[in-house]
PDB file of N, CA and C in Angstrom:
ATOM      1  N   UNK A   1     143.778  61.386 173.749  1.00  0.00           N
ATOM      2  CA  UNK A   1     144.364  61.892 172.668  1.00  0.00           C
ATOM      3  C   UNK A   1     144.102  60.844 171.278  1.00  0.00           C
ATOM      4  N   UNK A   2     144.325  61.508 170.492  1.00  0.00           N
ATOM      5  CA  UNK A   2     144.027  60.991 169.203  1.00  0.00           C
ATOM      6  C   UNK A   2     145.411  61.288 167.923  1.00  0.00           C
ATOM      7  N   UNK A   3     145.746  60.168 167.637  1.00  0.00           N
ATOM      8  CA  UNK A   3     147.289  59.975 166.587  1.00  0.00           C
ATOM      9  C   UNK A   3     146.348  60.157 165.537  1.00  0.00           C
ATOM     10  N   UNK A   4     146.584  61.011 164.260  1.00  0.00           N
ATOM     11  CA  UNK A   4     146.123  60.901 162.840  1.00  0.00           C
ATOM     12  C   UNK A   4     146.925  60.644 162.175  1.00  0.00           C
ATOM     13  N   UNK A   5     146.316  59.764 161.163  1.00  0.00           N
ATOM     14  CA  UNK A   5     147.289  58.728 160.094  1.00  0.00           C
ATOM     15  C   UNK A   5     148.191  60.162 159.673  1.00  0.00           C
ATOM     16  N   UNK A   6     147.826  61.319 159.340  1.00  0.00           N
ATOM     17  CA  UNK A   6     148.836  62.467 158.675  1.00  0.00           C
ATOM     18  C   UNK A   6     150.026  62.766 159.674  1.00  0.00           C
ATOM     19  N   UNK A   7     150.083  62.196 161.248  1.00  0.00           N
ATOM     20  CA  UNK A   7     150.868  62.447 161.797  1.00  0.00           C
ATOM     21  C   UNK A   7     152.408  61.381 161.595  1.00  0.00           C
ATOM     22  N   UNK A   8     151.562  59.873 160.863  1.00  0.00           N
ATOM     23  CA  UNK A   8     152.794  58.626 161.052  1.00  0.00           C
ATOM     24  C   UNK A   8     153.687  58.796 159.671  1.00  0.00           C
ATOM     25  N   UNK A   9     154.465  58.116 160.046  1.00  0.00           N
ATOM     26  CA  UNK A   9     155.503  58.023 158.731  1.00  0.00           C
ATOM     27  C   UNK A   9     155.733  56.677 158.711  1.00  0.00           C
ATOM     28  N   UNK A  10     155.188  56.323 157.137  1.00  0.00           N
ATOM     29  CA  UNK A  10     155.582  55.086 156.587  1.00  0.00           C
ATOM     30  C   UNK A  10     157.261  54.776 156.002  1.00  0.00           C
ATOM     31  N   UNK A  11     157.908  53.372 156.482  1.00  0.00           N
ATOM     32  CA  UNK A  11     159.134  52.993 155.934  1.00  0.00           C
ATOM     33  C   UNK A  11     158.966  52.073 155.343  1.00  0.00           C
ATOM     34  N   UNK A  12     159.855  51.982 154.182  1.00  0.00           N
ATOM     35  CA  UNK A  12     160.030  50.928 153.410  1.00  0.00           C
ATOM     36  C   UNK A  12     161.167  50.414 153.797  1.00  0.00           C
ATOM     37  N   UNK A  13     161.254  48.799 154.028  1.00  0.00           N
ATOM     38  CA  UNK A  13     161.933  48.300 154.407  1.00  0.00           C
ATOM     39  C   UNK A  13     162.504  47.017 153.053  1.00  0.00           C
ATOM     40  N   UNK A  14     163.565  47.071 152.805  1.00  0.00           N
ATOM     41  CA  UNK A  14     164.234  46.222 151.895  1.00  0.00           C
ATOM     42  C   UNK A  14     164.221  44.985 152.579  1.00  0.00           C
ATOM     43  N   UNK A  15     163.902  44.010 152.172  1.00  0.00           N
ATOM     44  CA  UNK A  15     164.236  42.329 152.624  1.00  0.00           C
ATOM     45  C   UNK A  15     164.009  42.682 154.019  1.00  0.00           C
ATOM     46  N   UNK A  16     162.744  42.732 154.473  1.00  0.00           N
ATOM     47  CA  UNK A  16     162.443  43.180 155.817  1.00  0.00           C
ATOM     48  C   UNK A  16     162.898  41.711 156.792  1.00  0.00           C
ATOM     49  N   UNK A  17     163.632  41.663 157.324  1.00  0.00           N
ATOM     50  CA  UNK A  17     163.963  40.482 158.204  1.00  0.00           C
ATOM     51  C   UNK A  17     164.405  39.423 157.440  1.00  0.00           C
ATOM     52  N   UNK A  18     165.209  40.139 156.629  1.00  0.00           N
ATOM     53  CA  UNK A  18     165.940  39.006 155.497  1.00  0.00           C
ATOM     54  C   UNK A  18     164.922  38.170 154.432  1.00  0.00           C
ATOM     55  N   UNK A  19     163.947  39.050 154.551  1.00  0.00           N
ATOM     56  CA  UNK A  19     162.526  38.433 153.120  1.00  0.00           C
ATOM     57  C   UNK A  19     162.998  38.837 152.208  1.00  0.00           C
ATOM     58  N   UNK A  20     161.845  39.023 151.058  1.00  0.00           N
ATOM     59  CA  UNK A  20     162.023  38.988 149.634  1.00  0.00           C
ATOM     60  C   UNK A  20     161.212  40.518 149.253  1.00  0.00           C
ATOM     61  N   UNK A  21     161.721  41.176 148.683  1.00  0.00           N
ATOM     62  CA  UNK A  21     161.103  42.673 148.124  1.00  0.00           C
ATOM     63  C   UNK A  21     160.683  43.924 149.406  1.00  0.00           C
ATOM     64  N   UNK A  22     159.826  44.529 149.016  1.00  0.00           N
ATOM     65  CA  UNK A  22     159.932  45.808 149.864  1.00  0.00           C
ATOM     66  C   UNK A  22     158.943  45.561 151.020  1.00  0.00           C
ATOM     67  N   UNK A  23     158.528  45.764 152.121  1.00  0.00           N
ATOM     68  CA  UNK A  23     157.471  45.863 153.067  1.00  0.00           C
ATOM     69  C   UNK A  23     157.391  47.324 153.366  1.00  0.00           C
ATOM     70  N   UNK A  24     156.433  48.089 153.355  1.00  0.00           N
ATOM     71  CA  UNK A  24     155.936  49.099 153.878  1.00  0.00           C
ATOM     72  C   UNK A  24     155.327  49.037 155.264  1.00  0.00           C
ATOM     73  N   UNK A  25     156.174  49.754 156.033  1.00  0.00           N
ATOM     74  CA  UNK A  25     155.871  49.564 157.796  1.00  0.00           C
ATOM     75  C   UNK A  25     155.705  51.044 158.256  1.00  0.00           C
ATOM     76  N   UNK A  26     154.680  50.971 158.872  1.00  0.00           N
ATOM     77  CA  UNK A  26     154.033  52.241 159.586  1.00  0.00           C
ATOM     78  C   UNK A  26     153.886  51.797 161.180  1.00  0.00           C
ATOM     79  N   UNK A  27     154.807  52.718 161.794  1.00  0.00           N
ATOM     80  CA  UNK A  27     154.583  52.377 163.160  1.00  0.00           C
ATOM     81  C   UNK A  27     153.787  53.003 163.952  1.00  0.00           C
ATOM     82  N   UNK A  28     152.565  52.688 164.162  1.00  0.00           N
ATOM     83  CA  UNK A  28     151.359  53.201 164.908  1.00  0.00           C
ATOM     84  C   UNK A  28     151.839  53.516 166.015  1.00  0.00           C
ATOM     85  N   UNK A  29     152.332  52.625 166.878  1.00  0.00           N
ATOM     86  CA  UNK A  29     152.623  53.175 168.385  1.00  0.00           C
ATOM     87  C   UNK A  29     154.096  52.412 169.021  1.00  0.00           C
ATOM     88  N   UNK A  30     154.940  53.401 169.552  1.00  0.00           N
ATOM     89  CA  UNK A  30     156.228  52.770 169.925  1.00  0.00           C
ATOM     90  C   UNK A  30     156.253  52.529 171.279  1.00  0.00           C
ATOM     91  N   UNK A  31     156.931  52.142 171.810  1.00  0.00           N
ATOM     92  CA  UNK A  31     157.368  51.876 173.549  1.00  0.00           C
ATOM     93  C   UNK A  31     157.147  53.283 174.059  1.00  0.00           C
ATOM     94  N   UNK A  32     157.227  54.070 173.704  1.00  0.00           N
ATOM     95  CA  UNK A  32     157.151  55.443 174.460  1.00  0.00           C
ATOM     96  C   UNK A  32     155.904  56.200 174.254  1.00  0.00           C
ATOM     97  N   UNK A  33     154.939  55.099 173.772  1.00  0.00           N
ATOM     98  CA  UNK A  33     153.642  55.308 173.614  1.00  0.00           C
ATOM     99  C   UNK A  33     152.652  54.620 174.535  1.00  0.00           C
ATOM    100  N   UNK A  34     153.362  53.276 174.867  1.00  0.00           N
ATOM    101  CA  UNK A  34     152.757  52.353 175.371  1.00  0.00           C
ATOM    102  C   UNK A  34     153.189  52.099 176.877  1.00  0.00           C
ATOM    103  N   UNK A  35     152.432  51.408 177.711  1.00  0.00           N
ATOM    104  CA  UNK A  35     152.906  51.008 178.794  1.00  0.00           C
ATOM    105  C   UNK A  35     153.991  49.915 178.908  1.00  0.00           C
ATOM    106  N   UNK A  36     154.409  49.632 179.883  1.00  0.00           N
ATOM    107  CA  UNK A  36     155.517  48.715 179.985  1.00  0.00           C
ATOM    108  C   UNK A  36     154.716  47.355 179.589  1.00  0.00           C
ATOM    109  N   UNK A  37     155.705  46.982 178.673  1.00  0.00           N
ATOM    110  CA  UNK A  37     155.523  45.267 178.138  1.00  0.00           C
ATOM    111  C   UNK A  37     155.269  45.470 176.654  1.00  0.00           C
ATOM    112  N   UNK A  38     154.605  46.566 176.604  1.00  0.00           N
ATOM    113  CA  UNK A  38     154.255  46.685 174.651  1.00  0.00           C
ATOM    114  C   UNK A  38     155.416  46.940 174.588  1.00  0.00           C
ATOM    115  N   UNK A  39     155.560  47.084 173.202  1.00  0.00           N
ATOM    116  CA  UNK A  39     157.007  47.635 172.561  1.00  0.00           C
ATOM    117  C   UNK A  39     156.490  48.136 171.430  1.00  0.00           C
ATOM    118  N   UNK A  40     155.708  47.802 170.630  1.00  0.00           N
ATOM    119  CA  UNK A  40     155.279  48.320 169.368  1.00  0.00           C
ATOM    120  C   UNK A  40     153.791  47.827 168.604  1.00  0.00           C
ATOM    121  N   UNK A  41     153.205  48.808 167.778  1.00  0.00           N
ATOM    122  CA  UNK A  41     151.916  48.020 167.202  1.00  0.00           C
ATOM    123  C   UNK A  41     152.147  49.087 165.934  1.00  0.00           C
ATOM    124  N   UNK A  42     152.124  48.346 164.459  1.00  0.00           N
ATOM    125  CA  UNK A  42     152.625  48.736 163.536  1.00  0.00           C
ATOM    126  C   UNK A  42     151.543  47.861 162.513  1.00  0.00           C
ATOM    127  N   UNK A  43     151.369  48.875 161.327  1.00  0.00           N
ATOM    128  CA  UNK A  43     150.751  48.173 160.171  1.00  0.00           C
ATOM    129  C   UNK A  43     151.668  48.082 158.998  1.00  0.00           C
ATOM    130  N   UNK A  44     151.697  46.636 158.638  1.00  0.00           N
ATOM    131  CA  UNK A  44     152.434  46.457 157.322  1.00  0.00           C
ATOM    132  C   UNK A  44     151.730  46.066 156.154  1.00  0.00           C
ATOM    133  N   UNK A  45     152.175  46.590 154.946  1.00  0.00           N
ATOM    134  CA  UNK A  45     151.680  46.012 153.471  1.00  0.00           C
ATOM    135  C   UNK A  45     152.780  45.491 153.081  1.00  0.00           C
ATOM    136  N   UNK A  46     152.209  44.361 152.306  1.00  0.00           N
ATOM    137  CA  UNK A  46     153.217  43.413 151.029  1.00  0.00           C
ATOM    138  C   UNK A  46     152.758  43.279 149.840  1.00  0.00           C
ATOM    139  N   UNK A  47     153.013  43.560 148.847  1.00  0.00           N
ATOM    140  CA  UNK A  47     152.355  42.962 147.590  1.00  0.00           C
ATOM    141  C   UNK A  47     152.958  41.738 147.051  1.00  0.00           C
ATOM    142  N   UNK A  48     152.571  41.033 146.178  1.00  0.00           N
ATOM    143  CA  UNK A  48     153.022  40.032 145.579  1.00  0.00           C
ATOM    144  C   UNK A  48     154.540  39.917 145.539  1.00  0.00           C
ATOM    145  N   UNK A  49     155.232  38.698 146.142  1.00  0.00           N
ATOM    146  CA  UNK A  49     156.358  38.924 145.992  1.00  0.00           C
ATOM    147  C   UNK A  49     157.320  39.339 147.043  1.00  0.00           C
ATOM    148  N   UNK A  50     156.743  40.075 147.875  1.00  0.00           N
ATOM    149  CA  UNK A  50     157.287  40.676 148.994  1.00  0.00           C
ATOM    150  C   UNK A  50     157.087  39.729 150.296  1.00  0.00           C
ATOM    151  N   UNK A  51     158.142  40.110 151.345  1.00  0.00           N
ATOM    152  CA  UNK A  51     157.684  39.197 152.990  1.00  0.00           C
ATOM    153  C   UNK A  51     158.328  39.622 153.656  1.00  0.00           C
ATOM    154  N   UNK A  52     157.877  39.214 154.822  1.00  0.00           N
ATOM    155  CA  UNK A  52     158.973  39.948 155.914  1.00  0.00           C
ATOM    156  C   UNK A  52     159.322  38.244 156.475  1.00  0.00           C
ATOM    157  N   UNK A  53     160.734  38.128 156.353  1.00  0.00           N
ATOM    158  CA  UNK A  53     161.585  36.980 156.491  1.00  0.00           C
ATOM    159  C   UNK A  53     161.414  36.584 157.761  1.00  0.00           C
ATOM    160  N   UNK A  54     162.145  35.056 158.099  1.00  0.00           N
ATOM    161  CA  UNK A  54     161.810  34.432 159.014  1.00  0.00           C
ATOM    162  C   UNK A  54     162.764  34.816 160.178  1.00  0.00           C
ATOM    163  N   UNK A  55     162.183  35.037 161.125  1.00  0.00           N
ATOM    164  CA  UNK A  55     163.182  35.557 162.581  1.00  0.00           C
ATOM    165  C   UNK A  55     162.299  35.131 163.625  1.00  0.00           C
ATOM    166  N   UNK A  56     163.128  35.147 164.560  1.00  0.00           N
ATOM    167  CA  UNK A  56     162.923  34.208 165.825  1.00  0.00           C
ATOM    168  C   UNK A  56     162.848  35.256 166.961  1.00  0.00           C
ATOM    169  N   UNK A  57     162.069  35.418 167.866  1.00  0.00           N
ATOM    170  CA  UNK A  57     161.750  36.185 168.927  1.00  0.00           C
ATOM    171  C   UNK A  57     162.428  35.549 170.353  1.00  0.00           C
ATOM    172  N   UNK A  58     163.019  36.680 171.077  1.00  0.00           N
ATOM    173  CA  UNK A  58     163.529  36.099 172.431  1.00  0.00           C
ATOM    174  C   UNK A  58     162.892  37.162 173.510  1.00  0.00           C
ATOM    175  N   UNK A  59     162.609  36.896 174.556  1.00  0.00           N
ATOM    176  CA  UNK A  59     162.123  37.652 175.559  1.00  0.00           C
ATOM    177  C   UNK A  59     161.019  38.533 175.260  1.00  0.00           C
ATOM    178  N   UNK A  60     160.301  37.890 173.973  1.00  0.00           N
ATOM    179  CA  UNK A  60     159.175  38.753 173.794  1.00  0.00           C
ATOM    180  C   UNK A  60     158.201  37.780 172.763  1.00  0.00           C
ATOM    181  N   UNK A  61     156.946  38.591 172.594  1.00  0.00           N
ATOM    182  CA  UNK A  61     155.999  37.548 171.699  1.00  0.00           C
ATOM    183  C   UNK A  61     155.575  38.769 170.683  1.00  0.00           C
ATOM    184  N   UNK A  62     154.999  37.947 169.542  1.00  0.00           N
ATOM    185  CA  UNK A  62     154.375  39.017 168.356  1.00  0.00           C
ATOM    186  C   UNK A  62     153.318  38.197 167.677  1.00  0.00           C
ATOM    187  N   UNK A  63     152.127  38.993 167.765  1.00  0.00           N
ATOM    188  CA  UNK A  63     150.950  38.788 167.142  1.00  0.00           C
ATOM    189  C   UNK A  63     151.246  39.513 165.669  1.00  0.00           C
ATOM    190  N   UNK A  64     150.634  38.687 164.890  1.00  0.00           N
ATOM    191  CA  UNK A  64     150.019  39.447 163.442  1.00  0.00           C
ATOM    192  C   UNK A  64     148.281  39.099 163.475  1.00  0.00           C
ATOM    193  N   UNK A  65     147.839  40.494 163.397  1.00  0.00           N
ATOM    194  CA  UNK A  65     146.065  40.638 162.891  1.00  0.00           C
ATOM    195  C   UNK A  65     146.284  40.574 161.152  1.00  0.00           C
ATOM    196  N   UNK A  66     145.655  39.526 160.615  1.00  0.00           N
ATOM    197  CA  UNK A  66     145.529  39.880 159.395  1.00  0.00           C
ATOM    198  C   UNK A  66     144.397  40.888 159.204  1.00  0.00           C
ATOM    199  N   UNK A  67     144.906  42.156 158.011  1.00  0.00           N
ATOM    200  CA  UNK A  67     143.667  43.171 158.365  1.00  0.00           C
ATOM    201  C   UNK A  67     143.204  42.758 156.364  1.00  0.00           C
ATOM    202  N   UNK A  68     143.767  42.683 155.694  1.00  0.00           N
ATOM    203  CA  UNK A  68     143.296  42.552 154.380  1.00  0.00           C
ATOM    204  C   UNK A  68     144.109  41.652 153.423  1.00  0.00           C
ATOM    205  N   UNK A  69     143.732  40.736 152.415  1.00  0.00           N
ATOM    206  CA  UNK A  69     144.161  39.761 151.266  1.00  0.00           C
ATOM    207  C   UNK A  69     144.462  38.779 152.194  1.00  0.00           C
ATOM    208  N   UNK A  70     144.831  37.781 151.624  1.00  0.00           N
ATOM    209  CA  UNK A  70     145.585  36.361 152.168  1.00  0.00           C
ATOM    210  C   UNK A  70     147.339  36.565 152.001  1.00  0.00           C
ATOM    211  N   UNK A  71     147.718  35.042 153.206  1.00  0.00           N
ATOM    212  CA  UNK A  71     148.762  35.361 153.092  1.00  0.00           C
ATOM    213  C   UNK A  71     149.246  33.740 153.246  1.00  0.00           C
ATOM    214  N   UNK A  72     150.657  33.351 153.280  1.00  0.00           N
ATOM    215  CA  UNK A  72     150.822  32.382 154.063  1.00  0.00           C
ATOM    216  C   UNK A  72     152.203  32.555 155.027  1.00  0.00           C
ATOM    217  N   UNK A  73     151.560  31.853 156.485  1.00  0.00           N
ATOM    218  CA  UNK A  73     152.397  32.089 157.343  1.00  0.00           C
ATOM    219  C   UNK A  73     153.082  30.979 157.958  1.00  0.00           C
ATOM    220  N   UNK A  74     154.362  31.149 158.113  1.00  0.00           N
ATOM    221  CA  UNK A  74     155.274  30.173 158.917  1.00  0.00           C
ATOM    222  C   UNK A  74     155.414  30.161 160.130  1.00  0.00           C
ATOM    223  N   UNK A  75     154.933  29.559 160.619  1.00  0.00           N
ATOM    224  CA  UNK A  75     154.906  29.161 162.022  1.00  0.00           C
ATOM    225  C   UNK A  75     156.093  28.042 162.633  1.00  0.00           C
ATOM    226  N   UNK A  76     157.171  28.527 162.719  1.00  0.00           N
ATOM    227  CA  UNK A  76     158.163  27.474 163.140  1.00  0.00           C
ATOM    228  C   UNK A  76     158.448  26.500 162.133  1.00  0.00           C
ATOM    229  N   UNK A  77     158.053  26.736 160.805  1.00  0.00           N
ATOM    230  CA  UNK A  77     159.097  25.742 159.821  1.00  0.00           C
ATOM    231  C   UNK A  77     157.642  25.441 159.101  1.00  0.00           C
ATOM    232  N   UNK A  78     156.037  25.559 159.986  1.00  0.00           N
ATOM    233  CA  UNK A  78     154.899  24.836 159.179  1.00  0.00           C
ATOM    234  C   UNK A  78     154.275  26.128 158.630  1.00  0.00           C
ATOM    235  N   UNK A  79     153.929  26.115 157.177  1.00  0.00           N
ATOM    236  CA  UNK A  79     153.268  26.954 156.637  1.00  0.00           C
ATOM    237  C   UNK A  79     151.755  26.753 156.682  1.00  0.00           C
ATOM    238  N   UNK A  80     151.276  27.898 156.859  1.00  0.00           N
ATOM    239  CA  UNK A  80     149.526  27.722 156.768  1.00  0.00           C
ATOM    240  C   UNK A  80     148.919  29.091 156.217  1.00  0.00           C
ATOM    241  N   UNK A  81     147.652  29.038 155.251  1.00  0.00           N
ATOM    242  CA  UNK A  81     147.256  30.169 154.839  1.00  0.00           C
ATOM    243  C   UNK A  81     146.720  30.831 155.967  1.00  0.00           C
ATOM    244  N   UNK A  82     146.649  32.141 155.873  1.00  0.00           N
ATOM    245  CA  UNK A  82     145.696  32.999 156.725  1.00  0.00           C
ATOM    246  C   UNK A  82     145.096  33.934 156.238  1.00  0.00           C
ATOM    247  N   UNK A  83     144.228  34.269 156.189  1.00  0.00           N
ATOM    248  CA  UNK A  83     142.849  35.514 156.078  1.00  0.00           C
ATOM    249  C   UNK A  83     142.536  36.604 156.714  1.00  0.00           C
ATOM    250  N   UNK A  84     141.688  37.283 156.288  1.00  0.00           N
ATOM    251  CA  UNK A  84     141.370  38.701 157.220  1.00  0.00           C
ATOM    252  C   UNK A  84     140.703  37.932 158.678  1.00  0.00           C
ATOM    253  N   UNK A  85     141.515  38.766 159.192  1.00  0.00           N
ATOM    254  CA  UNK A  85     140.677  38.577 161.060  1.00  0.00           C
ATOM    255  C   UNK A  85     141.256  37.450 161.639  1.00  0.00           C
ATOM    256  N   UNK A  86     142.357  36.893 160.997  1.00  0.00           N
ATOM    257  CA  UNK A  86     143.194  35.550 161.399  1.00  0.00           C
ATOM    258  C   UNK A  86     144.416  36.171 162.440  1.00  0.00           C
ATOM    259  N   UNK A  87     144.638  35.714 163.377  1.00  0.00           N
ATOM    260  CA  UNK A  87     145.492  36.147 164.305  1.00  0.00           C
ATOM    261  C   UNK A  87     146.736  35.066 164.435  1.00  0.00           C
ATOM    262  N   UNK A  88     147.582  35.384 164.020  1.00  0.00           N
ATOM    263  CA  UNK A  88     148.839  34.397 164.600  1.00  0.00           C
ATOM    264  C   UNK A  88     149.697  34.857 165.793  1.00  0.00           C
ATOM    265  N   UNK A  89     150.082  34.057 166.383  1.00  0.00           N
ATOM    266  CA  UNK A  89     151.051  34.519 167.535  1.00  0.00           C
ATOM    267  C   UNK A  89     152.412  33.542 167.675  1.00  0.00           C
ATOM    268  N   UNK A  90     153.150  34.385 167.957  1.00  0.00           N
ATOM    269  CA  UNK A  90     154.923  33.740 168.094  1.00  0.00           C
ATOM    270  C   UNK A  90     155.668  33.853 169.205  1.00  0.00           C
ATOM    271  N   UNK A  91     155.610  32.719 170.086  1.00  0.00           N
ATOM    272  CA  UNK A  91     156.211  33.315 171.599  1.00  0.00           C
ATOM    273  C   UNK A  91     157.672  33.547 171.785  1.00  0.00           C
ATOM    274  N   UNK A  92     158.141  33.515 172.470  1.00  0.00           N
ATOM    275  CA  UNK A  92     159.574  33.964 172.943  1.00  0.00           C
ATOM    276  C   UNK A  92     160.109  32.246 173.093  1.00  0.00           C
ATOM    277  N   UNK A  93     161.424  32.405 171.798  1.00  0.00           N
ATOM    278  CA  UNK A  93     162.041  31.111 171.442  1.00  0.00           C
ATOM    279  C   UNK A  93     161.427  30.705 170.348  1.00  0.00           C
ATOM    280  N   UNK A  94     160.237  31.130 169.617  1.00  0.00           N
ATOM    281  CA  UNK A  94     159.541  30.590 168.354  1.00  0.00           C
ATOM    282  C   UNK A  94     159.776  31.442 167.233  1.00  0.00           C
ATOM    283  N   UNK A  95     160.076  31.133 166.036  1.00  0.00           N
ATOM    284  CA  UNK A  95     160.129  31.824 164.894  1.00  0.00           C
ATOM    285  C   UNK A  95     159.036  31.678 163.569  1.00  0.00           C
ATOM    286  N   UNK A  96     159.145  33.066 163.047  1.00  0.00           N
ATOM    287  CA  UNK A  96     158.015  33.099 162.249  1.00  0.00           C
ATOM    288  C   UNK A  96     158.559  34.017 160.934  1.00  0.00           C
ATOM    289  N   UNK A  97     157.474  33.735 159.813  1.00  0.00           N
ATOM    290  CA  UNK A  97     157.439  34.744 158.597  1.00  0.00           C
ATOM    291  C   UNK A  97     156.405  34.965 158.105  1.00  0.00           C
ATOM    292  N   UNK A  98     156.163  35.906 156.944  1.00  0.00           N
ATOM    293  CA  UNK A  98     154.900  35.923 156.578  1.00  0.00           C
ATOM    294  C   UNK A  98     154.981  36.432 155.213  1.00  0.00           C
ATOM    295  N   UNK A  99     153.920  35.988 153.875  1.00  0.00           N
ATOM    296  CA  UNK A  99     154.072  36.729 152.516  1.00  0.00           C
ATOM    297  C   UNK A  99     152.542  36.820 151.985  1.00  0.00           C
ATOM    298  N   UNK A 100     152.287  37.530 151.275  1.00  0.00           N
ATOM    299  CA  UNK A 100     151.170  37.738 150.577  1.00  0.00           C
ATOM    300  C   UNK A 100     151.280  36.283 149.742  1.00  0.00           C
ATOM    301  N   UNK A 101     149.710  35.754 149.391  1.00  0.00           N
ATOM    302  CA  UNK A 101     149.529  34.618 148.768  1.00  0.00           C
ATOM    303  C   UNK A 101     148.901  34.613 147.719  1.00  0.00           C
ATOM    304  N   UNK A 102     149.471  34.376 146.751  1.00  0.00           N
ATOM    305  CA  UNK A 102     149.315  34.604 145.092  1.00  0.00           C
ATOM    306  C   UNK A 102     149.432  35.574 144.734  1.00  0.00           C
ATOM    307  N   UNK A 103     148.144  36.379 144.039  1.00  0.00           N
ATOM    308  CA  UNK A 103     148.225  37.470 143.417  1.00  0.00           C
ATOM    309  C   UNK A 103     147.700  38.736 144.158  1.00  0.00           C
ATOM    310  N   UNK A 104     147.656  38.472 145.698  1.00  0.00           N
ATOM    311  CA  UNK A 104     146.893  39.425 146.543  1.00  0.00           C
ATOM    312  C   UNK A 104     148.070  40.207 147.541  1.00  0.00           C
ATOM    313  N   UNK A 105     147.431  41.134 147.538  1.00  0.00           N
ATOM    314  CA  UNK A 105     148.290  42.272 148.688  1.00  0.00           C
ATOM    315  C   UNK A 105     148.128  42.102 150.155  1.00  0.00           C
ATOM    316  N   UNK A 106     148.997  42.047 151.066  1.00  0.00           N
ATOM    317  CA  UNK A 106     148.587  41.519 152.242  1.00  0.00           C
ATOM    318  C   UNK A 106     148.727  42.545 153.090  1.00  0.00           C
ATOM    319  N   UNK A 107     147.918  43.054 154.224  1.00  0.00           N
ATOM    320  CA  UNK A 107     148.163  43.812 155.233  1.00  0.00           C
ATOM    321  C   UNK A 107     148.124  43.500 156.681  1.00  0.00           C
ATOM    322  N   UNK A 108     148.717  43.657 157.414  1.00  0.00           N
ATOM    323  CA  UNK A 108     148.658  42.986 158.876  1.00  0.00           C
ATOM    324  C   UNK A 108     148.804  44.317 159.406  1.00  0.00           C
ATOM    325  N   UNK A 109     148.359  44.072 161.043  1.00  0.00           N
ATOM    326  CA  UNK A 109     149.151  44.695 162.225  1.00  0.00           C
ATOM    327  C   UNK A 109     149.816  43.821 162.998  1.00  0.00           C
ATOM    328  N   UNK A 110     151.129  44.121 163.463  1.00  0.00           N
ATOM    329  CA  UNK A 110     152.047  43.585 163.851  1.00  0.00           C
ATOM    330  C   UNK A 110     151.934  44.634 165.440  1.00  0.00           C
ATOM    331  N   UNK A 111     151.898  43.417 166.477  1.00  0.00           N
ATOM    332  CA  UNK A 111     151.974  43.661 167.787  1.00  0.00           C
ATOM    333  C   UNK A 111     153.106  42.623 168.554  1.00  0.00           C
ATOM    334  N   UNK A 112     154.129  43.639 168.966  1.00  0.00           N
ATOM    335  CA  UNK A 112     155.092  42.800 169.924  1.00  0.00           C
ATOM    336  C   UNK A 112     154.858  43.382 171.328  1.00  0.00           C
ATOM    337  N   UNK A 113     154.998  42.288 172.293  1.00  0.00           N
ATOM    338  CA  UNK A 113     155.001  42.605 173.442  1.00  0.00           C
ATOM    339  C   UNK A 113     155.816  42.095 174.239  1.00  0.00           C
ATOM    340  N   UNK A 114     156.677  42.425 175.425  1.00  0.00           N
ATOM    341  CA  UNK A 114     157.731  42.170 176.064  1.00  0.00           C
ATOM    342  C   UNK A 114     157.230  40.748 177.100  1.00  0.00           C
ATOM    343  N   UNK A 115     158.167  39.899 177.773  1.00  0.00           N
ATOM    344  CA  UNK A 115     157.753  38.715 178.755  1.00  0.00           C
ATOM    345  C   UNK A 115     157.663  39.992 179.738  1.00  0.00           C
TER     346      UNK A 115
END
């Protein structure tokens, strides 16, 4: 099976997870496409001033894979710069947020897996 980019719909989320601005999210694979335990694989794009706000995961983990641009990742309250091919991991009971750094557009792949 091949899912072509023309099949996907991009949704614009205002203040995604309580963040700032608008985040464009394209769900590439949802739970119905995946085996048990995998909930979501999505592409997210943020312009300067946008962000995915602080949120906590319970009973699941989320990984962000930085595809393009630079960002600032909040890992349980500690901020770290992230760059292409960096992978962030947020486990059950932990919280995180992400935003573009300075004047960069930030593109990430978000993967959510259940326990």
